[in-house]
Structures are given as structure tokens and as C-alpha cells.
């Protein structure tokens, strides 16, 4: 018992998610409708807030967002029609950063994968990522914005820089259909000295 309590304490310290309640549910999750003016505000590990607002939607379903926080406008992001990142902080992801593949769950897919590249933020060298994504369980996730039914999406990215440095990251996203976005996300890069980063939904409209 003491060993189990110790393990649980370590997981909580690392920002891992302990669900309020896991339940049997297996429904098909469709891509949400994206509308200009929608916004989601998240609080990160350090208590800082950032808001992503839809600025425009293209005919092909791709869209641009304005990201604000930390005392000002951070920049703009461009997403594909499948809600995967295309441009972020001036970096272009080719063909896009693999995270979502709608529809998923239920009678649709439960895992997917893909390879993409992007320039390193500091050095500019090309980073190649091989991402694998699998669905976890449905759970009731409690965040500042409320409690939501959400499905866990587990993404692992094995990456290599042109210089030869290689490592991997693990990202756990909790997607809530009622919100049309994630309500919680924890990201851990095992090649970085920075610890796990967590983002929780504070409000949306």
C-alpha cells in the first residue's frame, strides 16, 4: 500500500492526470465546426493564461488563430482543416504537425501515425518527428472551466535533429466534444531539461 501511495504521489507531482471517474464509453468523435470568434483560454503549469481565438476560416476548412497571453499578443497560428498545426511561431510544419485524425473512437480509427518536419526554434536546423497516436479511455475531467466528458489522446513523437541529437516526447491530451477542443494537455519532452508542462481550460466561448 505504501508503495502504491508513493507512486501516485510521484505521478501527481509530474503533472500526470488522475481521472475523477473512468467509465465505459466508446463513441465516434467528429471534427468540430470552426467559427470565427470562438476562443479558448488555458492556464499553464506556472499559472499563466493564454487565449486562442479563431480569426479566419478558409474555404478548405483550414483556419488562422490569434494567440494572446503573457501580457500581449504572442502571434498567429495556422491550422489544417483537420485541426493540426501548420504554422506556429513563424515555423512551418511539413506537411503538418500530426496530432488529430477525425473522426476517431467508436466505429472509427483508434490509432494513427505520421512523419513531419519543422525548423528548430533557436538553431533553425530541421527536426524530423515520427509521431504515433493512440486513444486512451473516456473520463470525467475536472478543470477550472468545469467537469467534462473527455477522451484521452496519447501522442508519442520520436524526433531527430540534423545535428544527430535524438530523443522523444509524450503528450497526453483530453479532448471534450462539448468544448470542441482539449480541456487538458500535458507535454513532456524527455530530451529537455524543462519538466512536464500542463495546460488546463479556464473558459471558452
N, C-alpha and C. Protein backbone atom coordinates (compact mmCIF):
# COMPACT_ATOMS: atom_id res chain seq x y z
N UNK A 1 0.83 -1.20 0.00
CA UNK A 1 0.00 0.00 0.00
C UNK A 1 0.86 1.26 0.00
N UNK A 2 1.93 1.26 0.84
CA UNK A 2 2.80 2.42 0.90
C UNK A 2 3.47 2.67 -0.45
N UNK A 3 3.83 1.57 -1.13
CA UNK A 3 4.46 1.70 -2.44
C UNK A 3 3.51 2.32 -3.45
N UNK A 4 2.25 1.88 -3.44
CA UNK A 4 1.25 2.42 -4.36
C UNK A 4 1.02 3.90 -4.09
N UNK A 5 0.96 4.30 -2.81
CA UNK A 5 0.75 5.70 -2.48
C UNK A 5 1.93 6.55 -2.93
N UNK A 6 3.12 5.99 -2.81
CA UNK A 6 4.32 6.72 -3.23
C UNK A 6 4.31 6.94 -4.73
N UNK A 7 3.93 5.91 -5.49
CA UNK A 7 3.87 6.02 -6.95
C UNK A 7 2.84 7.05 -7.36
N UNK A 8 1.67 7.04 -6.70
CA UNK A 8 0.61 8.00 -7.01
C UNK A 8 1.09 9.42 -6.75
N UNK A 9 1.81 9.62 -5.64
CA UNK A 9 2.31 10.95 -5.31
C UNK A 9 3.28 11.45 -6.36
N UNK A 10 4.14 10.57 -6.86
CA UNK A 10 5.10 10.94 -7.90
C UNK A 10 4.39 11.33 -9.18
N UNK A 11 3.36 10.58 -9.56
CA UNK A 11 2.61 10.87 -10.78
C UNK A 11 1.95 12.23 -10.69
N UNK A 12 1.37 12.56 -9.55
CA UNK A 12 0.73 13.86 -9.37
C UNK A 12 1.75 14.97 -9.46
N UNK A 13 2.93 14.79 -8.87
CA UNK A 13 3.98 15.79 -8.91
C UNK A 13 4.44 16.05 -10.33
N UNK A 14 4.42 15.00 -11.16
CA UNK A 14 4.86 15.13 -12.55
C UNK A 14 3.78 15.72 -13.44
N UNK A 15 2.62 15.98 -12.89
CA UNK A 15 1.55 16.58 -13.68
C UNK A 15 0.72 15.55 -14.41
N UNK A 16 0.86 14.28 -14.04
CA UNK A 16 0.07 13.24 -14.68
C UNK A 16 -1.38 13.43 -14.26
N UNK A 17 -2.28 12.90 -15.05
CA UNK A 17 -3.71 13.09 -14.80
C UNK A 17 -4.28 11.90 -14.06
N UNK A 18 -4.94 12.13 -12.97
CA UNK A 18 -5.68 11.09 -12.26
C UNK A 18 -7.15 11.39 -12.46
N UNK A 19 -7.88 10.62 -13.27
CA UNK A 19 -9.26 10.95 -13.60
C UNK A 19 -10.17 10.91 -12.40
N UNK A 20 -11.19 11.79 -12.41
CA UNK A 20 -12.21 11.77 -11.39
C UNK A 20 -13.00 10.47 -11.48
N UNK A 21 -13.30 10.08 -12.70
CA UNK A 21 -14.02 8.82 -12.91
C UNK A 21 -13.80 8.34 -14.33
N UNK A 22 -13.37 7.09 -14.47
CA UNK A 22 -13.23 6.48 -15.78
C UNK A 22 -14.46 5.63 -16.01
N UNK A 23 -15.03 5.69 -17.20
CA UNK A 23 -16.26 4.96 -17.43
C UNK A 23 -16.25 4.34 -18.83
N UNK A 24 -17.07 3.33 -18.99
CA UNK A 24 -17.16 2.64 -20.27
C UNK A 24 -17.92 3.49 -21.26
N UNK A 25 -17.23 3.93 -22.28
CA UNK A 25 -17.85 4.77 -23.29
C UNK A 25 -17.02 4.62 -24.56
N UNK A 26 -17.68 4.45 -25.65
CA UNK A 26 -16.93 4.31 -26.91
C UNK A 26 -17.77 4.91 -28.02
N UNK A 27 -17.68 6.23 -28.18
CA UNK A 27 -18.46 6.90 -29.20
C UNK A 27 -17.54 7.50 -30.25
N UNK A 28 -18.09 7.71 -31.40
CA UNK A 28 -17.37 8.29 -32.52
C UNK A 28 -17.29 9.81 -32.32
N UNK A 29 -16.09 10.35 -32.39
CA UNK A 29 -15.87 11.79 -32.22
C UNK A 29 -15.64 12.43 -33.58
N UNK A 30 -16.54 13.34 -33.95
CA UNK A 30 -16.43 14.02 -35.24
C UNK A 30 -15.63 15.32 -35.11
N UNK A 31 -15.15 15.81 -36.21
CA UNK A 31 -14.44 17.09 -36.22
C UNK A 31 -15.40 18.20 -35.85
N UNK A 32 -15.00 19.10 -34.96
CA UNK A 32 -15.90 20.18 -34.56
C UNK A 32 -16.03 21.23 -35.66
N UNK A 33 -17.11 21.98 -35.61
CA UNK A 33 -17.30 23.10 -36.53
C UNK A 33 -16.51 24.30 -36.02
N UNK A 34 -15.69 24.87 -36.90
CA UNK A 34 -14.86 26.01 -36.53
C UNK A 34 -15.53 27.30 -37.00
N UNK A 35 -15.71 28.25 -36.09
CA UNK A 35 -16.41 29.50 -36.38
C UNK A 35 -15.56 30.68 -35.91
N UNK A 36 -15.51 31.72 -36.73
CA UNK A 36 -14.77 32.93 -36.36
C UNK A 36 -15.31 33.48 -35.04
N UNK A 37 -14.41 33.82 -34.14
CA UNK A 37 -14.80 34.38 -32.85
C UNK A 37 -14.74 33.39 -31.70
N UNK A 38 -14.72 32.09 -32.02
CA UNK A 38 -14.57 31.10 -30.96
C UNK A 38 -13.24 31.32 -30.24
N UNK A 39 -13.21 31.05 -28.95
CA UNK A 39 -11.95 31.20 -28.23
C UNK A 39 -11.88 30.24 -27.05
N UNK A 40 -10.65 29.89 -26.67
CA UNK A 40 -10.38 29.01 -25.55
C UNK A 40 -9.23 29.60 -24.75
N UNK A 41 -9.38 29.70 -23.46
CA UNK A 41 -8.33 30.23 -22.59
C UNK A 41 -7.81 29.12 -21.69
N UNK A 42 -6.48 28.99 -21.65
CA UNK A 42 -5.84 27.94 -20.86
C UNK A 42 -4.88 28.52 -19.83
N UNK A 43 -4.73 27.82 -18.74
CA UNK A 43 -3.75 28.17 -17.71
C UNK A 43 -2.65 27.14 -17.72
N UNK A 44 -1.39 27.60 -17.77
CA UNK A 44 -0.29 26.65 -17.84
C UNK A 44 0.23 26.28 -16.45
N UNK A 45 1.28 25.49 -16.42
CA UNK A 45 1.85 24.98 -15.18
C UNK A 45 2.22 26.10 -14.21
N UNK A 46 2.61 27.25 -14.75
CA UNK A 46 3.08 28.36 -13.93
C UNK A 46 1.98 29.37 -13.58
N UNK A 47 0.73 29.03 -13.93
CA UNK A 47 -0.38 29.91 -13.61
C UNK A 47 -0.63 30.99 -14.64
N UNK A 48 0.10 30.97 -15.75
CA UNK A 48 -0.07 31.99 -16.80
C UNK A 48 -1.22 31.62 -17.72
N UNK A 49 -1.96 32.64 -18.18
CA UNK A 49 -3.10 32.42 -19.06
C UNK A 49 -2.75 32.77 -20.50
N UNK A 50 -3.31 32.00 -21.44
CA UNK A 50 -3.18 32.32 -22.87
C UNK A 50 -4.51 32.00 -23.54
N UNK A 51 -4.88 32.82 -24.52
CA UNK A 51 -6.16 32.66 -25.21
C UNK A 51 -5.95 32.50 -26.70
N UNK A 52 -6.58 31.49 -27.26
CA UNK A 52 -6.53 31.24 -28.71
C UNK A 52 -7.90 31.57 -29.29
N UNK A 53 -7.94 32.52 -30.25
CA UNK A 53 -9.19 32.97 -30.85
C UNK A 53 -9.18 32.74 -32.35
N UNK A 54 -10.27 32.19 -32.89
CA UNK A 54 -10.36 31.96 -34.33
C UNK A 54 -10.52 33.30 -35.04
N UNK A 55 -9.59 33.63 -35.95
CA UNK A 55 -9.63 34.89 -36.69
C UNK A 55 -10.25 34.74 -38.06
N UNK A 56 -9.96 33.64 -38.74
CA UNK A 56 -10.50 33.44 -40.09
C UNK A 56 -10.55 31.95 -40.40
N UNK A 57 -11.49 31.60 -41.29
CA UNK A 57 -11.65 30.21 -41.72
C UNK A 57 -11.61 30.19 -43.24
N UNK A 58 -10.77 29.35 -43.81
CA UNK A 58 -10.62 29.27 -45.27
C UNK A 58 -11.68 28.35 -45.87
N UNK A 59 -11.82 28.42 -47.19
CA UNK A 59 -12.82 27.60 -47.88
C UNK A 59 -12.53 26.11 -47.72
N UNK A 60 -11.25 25.74 -47.62
CA UNK A 60 -10.91 24.33 -47.48
C UNK A 60 -11.03 23.83 -46.04
N UNK A 61 -11.44 24.71 -45.12
CA UNK A 61 -11.63 24.32 -43.73
C UNK A 61 -10.46 24.66 -42.83
N UNK A 62 -9.32 25.03 -43.42
CA UNK A 62 -8.20 25.47 -42.60
C UNK A 62 -8.53 26.79 -41.93
N UNK A 63 -7.81 27.14 -40.88
CA UNK A 63 -8.15 28.37 -40.17
C UNK A 63 -6.93 28.99 -39.50
N UNK A 64 -7.06 30.27 -39.16
CA UNK A 64 -5.99 31.03 -38.51
C UNK A 64 -6.47 31.49 -37.14
N UNK A 65 -5.60 31.40 -36.15
CA UNK A 65 -5.94 31.85 -34.81
C UNK A 65 -4.98 32.94 -34.36
N UNK A 66 -5.47 33.75 -33.43
CA UNK A 66 -4.63 34.75 -32.75
C UNK A 66 -4.38 34.26 -31.34
N UNK A 67 -3.11 34.18 -30.97
CA UNK A 67 -2.75 33.69 -29.65
C UNK A 67 -2.30 34.87 -28.79
N UNK A 68 -2.98 35.05 -27.66
CA UNK A 68 -2.68 36.17 -26.76
C UNK A 68 -2.40 35.66 -25.35
N UNK A 69 -1.52 36.36 -24.65
CA UNK A 69 -1.21 35.98 -23.28
C UNK A 69 0.12 36.54 -22.85
N UNK A 70 0.44 36.32 -21.58
CA UNK A 70 1.72 36.77 -21.04
C UNK A 70 1.92 38.27 -21.25
N UNK A 71 0.81 39.05 -21.23
CA UNK A 71 0.92 40.49 -21.33
C UNK A 71 0.82 41.07 -22.72
N UNK A 72 0.47 40.27 -23.71
CA UNK A 72 0.35 40.82 -25.06
C UNK A 72 0.00 39.74 -26.08
N UNK A 73 0.11 40.11 -27.37
CA UNK A 73 -0.16 39.16 -28.45
C UNK A 73 1.08 38.33 -28.71
N UNK A 74 0.94 37.02 -28.65
CA UNK A 74 2.08 36.12 -28.85
C UNK A 74 2.33 35.93 -30.34
N UNK A 75 1.26 35.84 -31.12
CA UNK A 75 1.41 35.63 -32.55
C UNK A 75 0.20 34.95 -33.14
N UNK A 76 0.35 34.50 -34.36
CA UNK A 76 -0.74 33.81 -35.05
C UNK A 76 -0.33 32.38 -35.38
N UNK A 77 -1.34 31.53 -35.47
CA UNK A 77 -1.13 30.13 -35.80
C UNK A 77 -2.03 29.77 -36.98
N UNK A 78 -1.57 28.87 -37.81
CA UNK A 78 -2.37 28.39 -38.93
C UNK A 78 -2.56 26.88 -38.76
N UNK A 79 -3.81 26.44 -38.88
CA UNK A 79 -4.15 25.03 -38.72
C UNK A 79 -4.75 24.47 -40.01
N UNK A 80 -4.61 23.16 -40.19
CA UNK A 80 -5.25 22.49 -41.32
C UNK A 80 -6.73 22.30 -41.01
N UNK A 81 -7.47 21.83 -42.00
CA UNK A 81 -8.90 21.56 -41.79
C UNK A 81 -9.09 20.45 -40.76
N UNK A 82 -8.06 19.63 -40.54
CA UNK A 82 -8.13 18.56 -39.56
C UNK A 82 -7.66 18.96 -38.17
N UNK A 83 -7.46 20.28 -37.96
CA UNK A 83 -7.07 20.85 -36.67
C UNK A 83 -5.63 20.55 -36.28
N UNK A 84 -4.80 20.26 -37.26
CA UNK A 84 -3.38 20.03 -36.99
C UNK A 84 -2.57 21.29 -37.33
N UNK A 85 -1.56 21.58 -36.54
CA UNK A 85 -0.79 22.80 -36.71
C UNK A 85 -0.01 22.81 -38.02
N UNK A 86 -0.04 23.96 -38.70
CA UNK A 86 0.69 24.13 -39.96
C UNK A 86 1.78 25.19 -39.80
N UNK A 87 1.45 26.31 -39.15
CA UNK A 87 2.43 27.37 -38.89
C UNK A 87 2.29 27.81 -37.44
N UNK A 88 3.41 27.87 -36.73
CA UNK A 88 3.41 28.26 -35.33
C UNK A 88 4.71 28.98 -35.01
N UNK A 89 4.63 30.19 -34.42
CA UNK A 89 5.81 30.99 -34.10
C UNK A 89 6.72 31.17 -35.32
N UNK A 90 6.08 31.33 -36.50
CA UNK A 90 6.84 31.55 -37.72
C UNK A 90 7.43 30.29 -38.32
N UNK A 91 7.24 29.16 -37.67
CA UNK A 91 7.77 27.90 -38.18
C UNK A 91 6.70 27.17 -38.97
N UNK A 92 7.07 26.60 -40.10
CA UNK A 92 6.14 25.83 -40.92
C UNK A 92 6.37 24.34 -40.70
N UNK A 93 5.30 23.64 -40.40
CA UNK A 93 5.35 22.19 -40.20
C UNK A 93 4.95 21.51 -41.51
N UNK A 94 5.80 20.62 -41.99
CA UNK A 94 5.54 19.94 -43.26
C UNK A 94 5.29 18.45 -43.06
N UNK A 95 4.17 17.88 -43.55
CA UNK A 95 3.05 18.63 -44.13
C UNK A 95 2.21 19.33 -43.05
N UNK A 96 2.27 18.81 -41.81
CA UNK A 96 1.61 19.43 -40.66
C UNK A 96 2.02 18.62 -39.42
N UNK A 97 1.85 19.23 -38.24
CA UNK A 97 2.15 18.51 -37.00
C UNK A 97 1.08 17.48 -36.71
N UNK A 98 1.44 16.22 -36.72
CA UNK A 98 0.46 15.14 -36.57
C UNK A 98 -0.03 15.06 -35.12
N UNK A 99 -1.32 15.29 -34.92
CA UNK A 99 -1.94 15.14 -33.60
C UNK A 99 -3.32 14.51 -33.72
N UNK A 100 -4.21 15.11 -34.53
CA UNK A 100 -5.58 14.62 -34.66
C UNK A 100 -5.80 13.94 -36.01
N UNK A 101 -6.81 13.07 -36.03
CA UNK A 101 -7.24 12.43 -37.27
C UNK A 101 -8.72 12.10 -37.13
N UNK A 102 -9.56 13.09 -37.42
CA UNK A 102 -11.01 12.91 -37.27
C UNK A 102 -11.59 12.12 -38.44
N UNK A 103 -12.69 11.35 -38.19
CA UNK A 103 -13.26 11.03 -36.88
C UNK A 103 -12.44 9.94 -36.20
N UNK A 104 -12.58 9.84 -34.88
CA UNK A 104 -11.89 8.78 -34.16
C UNK A 104 -12.78 8.26 -33.04
N UNK A 105 -12.45 7.07 -32.54
CA UNK A 105 -13.26 6.45 -31.50
C UNK A 105 -14.49 5.78 -32.07
N UNK A 106 -15.18 5.02 -31.25
CA UNK A 106 -16.38 4.34 -31.71
C UNK A 106 -16.07 3.37 -32.84
N UNK A 107 -16.78 3.52 -33.97
CA UNK A 107 -16.53 2.65 -35.11
C UNK A 107 -15.45 3.21 -36.04
N UNK A 108 -14.82 4.32 -35.65
CA UNK A 108 -13.75 4.92 -36.44
C UNK A 108 -12.39 4.51 -35.87
N UNK A 109 -11.34 5.12 -36.38
CA UNK A 109 -9.97 4.73 -36.00
C UNK A 109 -9.68 5.00 -34.54
N UNK A 110 -8.77 4.21 -33.98
CA UNK A 110 -8.34 4.38 -32.59
C UNK A 110 -6.85 4.62 -32.48
N UNK A 111 -6.15 4.59 -33.59
CA UNK A 111 -4.74 4.95 -33.60
C UNK A 111 -4.33 5.38 -35.01
N UNK A 112 -3.30 6.23 -35.08
CA UNK A 112 -2.81 6.72 -36.36
C UNK A 112 -1.37 7.20 -36.17
N UNK A 113 -0.71 7.51 -37.25
CA UNK A 113 0.69 7.92 -37.16
C UNK A 113 1.05 8.78 -38.37
N UNK A 114 2.24 9.36 -38.32
CA UNK A 114 2.69 10.19 -39.44
C UNK A 114 4.05 10.80 -39.13
N UNK A 115 4.70 11.28 -40.18
CA UNK A 115 6.01 11.91 -40.05
C UNK A 115 5.93 13.35 -40.53
N UNK A 116 6.57 14.26 -39.81
CA UNK A 116 6.57 15.66 -40.22
C UNK A 116 7.89 16.31 -39.84
N UNK A 117 8.15 17.47 -40.43
CA UNK A 117 9.38 18.21 -40.13
C UNK A 117 9.06 19.66 -39.81
N UNK A 118 9.97 20.32 -39.11
CA UNK A 118 9.85 21.75 -38.84
C UNK A 118 11.22 22.28 -38.44
N UNK A 119 11.47 23.59 -38.58
CA UNK A 119 12.76 24.16 -38.19
C UNK A 119 12.84 24.38 -36.68
N UNK A 120 13.96 24.05 -36.10
CA UNK A 120 14.17 24.27 -34.67
C UNK A 120 14.06 25.75 -34.35
N UNK A 121 13.38 26.09 -33.24
CA UNK A 121 13.08 27.47 -32.92
C UNK A 121 14.34 28.31 -32.72
N UNK A 122 15.38 27.74 -32.15
CA UNK A 122 16.60 28.51 -31.87
C UNK A 122 17.66 28.37 -32.96
N UNK A 123 17.93 27.14 -33.39
CA UNK A 123 19.04 26.91 -34.33
C UNK A 123 18.62 26.94 -35.79
N UNK A 124 17.33 26.70 -36.06
CA UNK A 124 16.87 26.68 -37.44
C UNK A 124 17.08 25.36 -38.15
N UNK A 125 17.81 24.42 -37.52
CA UNK A 125 18.04 23.13 -38.18
C UNK A 125 16.75 22.33 -38.24
N UNK A 126 16.65 21.46 -39.22
CA UNK A 126 15.43 20.68 -39.44
C UNK A 126 15.27 19.60 -38.38
N UNK A 127 14.07 19.54 -37.83
CA UNK A 127 13.71 18.50 -36.87
C UNK A 127 12.72 17.56 -37.56
N UNK A 128 13.00 16.26 -37.52
CA UNK A 128 12.10 15.26 -38.10
C UNK A 128 11.44 14.48 -36.98
N UNK A 129 10.12 14.42 -37.02
CA UNK A 129 9.35 13.76 -35.97
C UNK A 129 8.54 12.60 -36.57
N UNK A 130 8.64 11.44 -35.93
CA UNK A 130 7.79 10.31 -36.26
C UNK A 130 6.81 10.16 -35.11
N UNK A 131 5.56 10.50 -35.36
CA UNK A 131 4.54 10.52 -34.30
C UNK A 131 3.61 9.33 -34.40
N UNK A 132 3.30 8.75 -33.26
CA UNK A 132 2.29 7.70 -33.16
C UNK A 132 1.25 8.16 -32.14
N UNK A 133 -0.01 7.98 -32.48
CA UNK A 133 -1.11 8.47 -31.65
C UNK A 133 -2.08 7.33 -31.36
N UNK A 134 -2.46 7.20 -30.10
CA UNK A 134 -3.41 6.16 -29.70
C UNK A 134 -4.45 6.76 -28.76
N UNK A 135 -5.66 6.23 -28.82
CA UNK A 135 -6.72 6.67 -27.92
C UNK A 135 -6.61 5.94 -26.59
N UNK A 136 -6.88 6.67 -25.50
CA UNK A 136 -6.96 6.08 -24.17
C UNK A 136 -8.42 5.88 -23.80
N UNK A 137 -8.72 6.10 -22.53
CA UNK A 137 -10.07 5.90 -22.02
C UNK A 137 -10.84 7.21 -21.95
N UNK A 138 -12.16 7.08 -21.90
CA UNK A 138 -13.01 8.23 -21.60
C UNK A 138 -12.98 8.45 -20.09
N UNK A 139 -13.04 9.72 -19.68
CA UNK A 139 -13.05 10.05 -18.26
C UNK A 139 -13.76 11.37 -18.05
N UNK A 140 -14.18 11.62 -16.83
CA UNK A 140 -14.71 12.92 -16.46
C UNK A 140 -13.54 13.75 -15.95
N UNK A 141 -13.22 14.80 -16.68
CA UNK A 141 -12.03 15.60 -16.38
C UNK A 141 -12.45 16.93 -15.76
N UNK A 142 -11.94 17.21 -14.58
CA UNK A 142 -12.26 18.45 -13.88
C UNK A 142 -11.14 19.46 -14.08
N UNK A 143 -11.49 20.61 -14.64
CA UNK A 143 -10.56 21.72 -14.87
C UNK A 143 -11.25 23.00 -14.40
N UNK A 144 -10.55 24.14 -14.37
CA UNK A 144 -11.19 25.38 -13.91
C UNK A 144 -12.48 25.73 -14.64
N UNK A 145 -12.61 25.34 -15.92
CA UNK A 145 -13.81 25.68 -16.69
C UNK A 145 -14.99 24.79 -16.36
N UNK A 146 -14.76 23.69 -15.61
CA UNK A 146 -15.84 22.78 -15.27
C UNK A 146 -15.40 21.33 -15.38
N UNK A 147 -16.37 20.43 -15.37
CA UNK A 147 -16.09 19.00 -15.49
C UNK A 147 -16.68 18.51 -16.82
N UNK A 148 -15.86 17.81 -17.60
CA UNK A 148 -16.26 17.43 -18.96
C UNK A 148 -15.97 15.96 -19.23
N UNK A 149 -16.84 15.34 -20.03
CA UNK A 149 -16.54 14.01 -20.56
C UNK A 149 -15.48 14.19 -21.65
N UNK A 150 -14.37 13.50 -21.50
CA UNK A 150 -13.27 13.67 -22.45
C UNK A 150 -12.58 12.35 -22.72
N UNK A 151 -12.03 12.23 -23.91
CA UNK A 151 -11.28 11.03 -24.26
C UNK A 151 -9.80 11.38 -24.31
N UNK A 152 -9.00 10.50 -23.77
CA UNK A 152 -7.56 10.73 -23.72
C UNK A 152 -6.93 10.37 -25.07
N UNK A 153 -6.06 11.24 -25.56
CA UNK A 153 -5.31 11.00 -26.80
C UNK A 153 -3.83 11.05 -26.43
N UNK A 154 -3.15 9.93 -26.62
CA UNK A 154 -1.75 9.82 -26.22
C UNK A 154 -0.87 9.87 -27.47
N UNK A 155 -0.02 10.88 -27.53
CA UNK A 155 0.86 11.07 -28.71
C UNK A 155 2.32 10.94 -28.28
N UNK A 156 3.04 10.09 -28.97
CA UNK A 156 4.49 9.97 -28.75
C UNK A 156 5.19 10.40 -30.02
N UNK A 157 6.19 11.24 -29.86
CA UNK A 157 6.95 11.71 -31.01
C UNK A 157 8.43 11.41 -30.85
N UNK A 158 8.94 10.54 -31.70
CA UNK A 158 10.38 10.27 -31.73
C UNK A 158 11.00 11.25 -32.72
N UNK A 159 11.93 12.09 -32.24
CA UNK A 159 12.45 13.14 -33.10
C UNK A 159 13.97 13.09 -33.22
N UNK A 160 14.45 13.65 -34.34
CA UNK A 160 15.89 13.72 -34.60
C UNK A 160 16.21 15.05 -35.27
N UNK A 161 17.25 15.71 -34.77
CA UNK A 161 17.72 16.96 -35.36
C UNK A 161 18.80 16.66 -36.39
N UNK A 162 19.03 17.62 -37.28
CA UNK A 162 20.08 17.45 -38.29
C UNK A 162 21.43 17.19 -37.65
N UNK A 163 21.66 17.75 -36.48
CA UNK A 163 22.94 17.58 -35.78
C UNK A 163 23.13 16.16 -35.25
N UNK A 164 22.04 15.37 -35.27
CA UNK A 164 22.13 13.99 -34.80
C UNK A 164 21.47 13.75 -33.45
N UNK A 165 21.21 14.83 -32.71
CA UNK A 165 20.55 14.66 -31.41
C UNK A 165 19.17 14.04 -31.61
N UNK A 166 18.86 13.05 -30.79
CA UNK A 166 17.57 12.37 -30.92
C UNK A 166 17.00 12.07 -29.55
N UNK A 167 15.69 12.13 -29.44
CA UNK A 167 15.01 11.80 -28.19
C UNK A 167 13.53 11.64 -28.50
N UNK A 168 12.66 11.79 -27.52
CA UNK A 168 11.23 11.66 -27.77
C UNK A 168 10.43 12.49 -26.79
N UNK A 169 9.16 12.73 -27.14
CA UNK A 169 8.24 13.42 -26.24
C UNK A 169 6.96 12.60 -26.12
N UNK A 170 6.26 12.83 -25.04
CA UNK A 170 4.95 12.19 -24.83
C UNK A 170 3.96 13.29 -24.45
N UNK A 171 2.84 13.29 -25.14
CA UNK A 171 1.80 14.29 -24.91
C UNK A 171 0.48 13.57 -24.61
N UNK A 172 -0.19 13.99 -23.55
CA UNK A 172 -1.49 13.43 -23.20
C UNK A 172 -2.52 14.53 -23.30
N UNK A 173 -3.44 14.37 -24.25
CA UNK A 173 -4.48 15.37 -24.50
C UNK A 173 -5.84 14.79 -24.12
N UNK A 174 -6.66 15.58 -23.45
CA UNK A 174 -8.02 15.16 -23.11
C UNK A 174 -8.99 16.00 -23.92
N UNK A 175 -9.59 15.37 -24.93
CA UNK A 175 -10.46 16.05 -25.88
C UNK A 175 -11.91 15.92 -25.44
N UNK A 176 -12.60 17.07 -25.32
CA UNK A 176 -14.00 17.09 -24.90
C UNK A 176 -14.88 17.56 -26.05
N UNK A 177 -15.72 16.70 -26.62
CA UNK A 177 -16.60 17.11 -27.71
C UNK A 177 -17.47 18.32 -27.37
N UNK A 178 -17.89 18.45 -26.11
CA UNK A 178 -18.75 19.56 -25.72
C UNK A 178 -18.05 20.91 -25.82
N UNK A 179 -16.73 20.89 -25.81
CA UNK A 179 -15.93 22.11 -25.87
C UNK A 179 -15.41 22.36 -27.28
N UNK A 180 -15.32 21.31 -28.07
CA UNK A 180 -14.76 21.43 -29.43
C UNK A 180 -13.27 21.64 -29.39
N UNK A 181 -12.63 21.19 -28.31
CA UNK A 181 -11.19 21.35 -28.16
C UNK A 181 -10.75 20.48 -26.97
N UNK A 182 -9.48 20.59 -26.63
CA UNK A 182 -9.00 19.86 -25.46
C UNK A 182 -9.29 20.66 -24.20
N UNK A 183 -9.48 19.95 -23.09
CA UNK A 183 -9.69 20.61 -21.81
C UNK A 183 -8.44 20.51 -20.93
N UNK A 184 -7.57 19.57 -21.27
CA UNK A 184 -6.32 19.44 -20.53
C UNK A 184 -5.27 18.80 -21.43
N UNK A 185 -4.03 19.26 -21.27
CA UNK A 185 -2.93 18.68 -22.05
C UNK A 185 -1.66 18.72 -21.21
N UNK A 186 -0.96 17.60 -21.18
CA UNK A 186 0.33 17.53 -20.50
C UNK A 186 1.38 17.10 -21.52
N UNK A 187 2.48 17.84 -21.57
CA UNK A 187 3.53 17.59 -22.56
C UNK A 187 4.86 17.41 -21.84
N UNK A 188 5.57 16.32 -22.15
CA UNK A 188 6.87 16.06 -21.55
C UNK A 188 7.87 15.71 -22.64
N UNK A 189 8.91 16.55 -22.78
CA UNK A 189 9.99 16.31 -23.73
C UNK A 189 11.14 15.69 -22.95
N UNK A 190 11.45 14.44 -23.23
CA UNK A 190 12.48 13.74 -22.47
C UNK A 190 13.90 14.11 -22.91
N UNK A 191 13.99 14.97 -23.92
CA UNK A 191 15.29 15.47 -24.34
C UNK A 191 15.54 16.88 -23.85
N UNK A 192 14.66 17.39 -23.00
CA UNK A 192 14.76 18.75 -22.50
C UNK A 192 14.95 18.75 -20.99
N UNK A 193 15.57 19.80 -20.48
CA UNK A 193 15.74 19.95 -19.03
C UNK A 193 14.48 20.49 -18.38
N UNK A 194 13.56 20.99 -19.20
CA UNK A 194 12.30 21.52 -18.68
C UNK A 194 11.38 20.36 -18.30
N UNK A 195 10.74 20.47 -17.16
CA UNK A 195 9.85 19.41 -16.70
C UNK A 195 8.55 19.39 -17.49
N UNK A 196 7.60 18.56 -17.08
CA UNK A 196 6.31 18.46 -17.80
C UNK A 196 5.56 19.78 -17.76
N UNK A 197 4.91 20.10 -18.88
CA UNK A 197 4.09 21.31 -18.97
C UNK A 197 2.63 20.90 -19.10
N UNK A 198 1.79 21.54 -18.30
CA UNK A 198 0.37 21.22 -18.29
C UNK A 198 -0.46 22.45 -18.62
N UNK A 199 -1.53 22.25 -19.40
CA UNK A 199 -2.44 23.33 -19.78
C UNK A 199 -3.85 22.88 -19.46
N UNK A 200 -4.60 23.71 -18.74
CA UNK A 200 -5.98 23.39 -18.37
C UNK A 200 -6.91 24.49 -18.84
N UNK A 201 -8.08 24.08 -19.32
CA UNK A 201 -9.07 25.05 -19.81
C UNK A 201 -9.67 25.85 -18.66
N UNK A 202 -9.67 27.19 -18.83
CA UNK A 202 -10.23 28.09 -17.84
C UNK A 202 -11.60 28.60 -18.28
N UNK A 203 -11.74 28.93 -19.57
CA UNK A 203 -13.03 29.38 -20.11
C UNK A 203 -13.01 29.23 -21.63
N UNK A 204 -14.20 29.23 -22.21
CA UNK A 204 -14.32 29.14 -23.68
C UNK A 204 -15.63 29.77 -24.10
N UNK A 205 -15.67 30.14 -25.38
CA UNK A 205 -16.91 30.70 -25.93
C UNK A 205 -16.94 30.45 -27.43
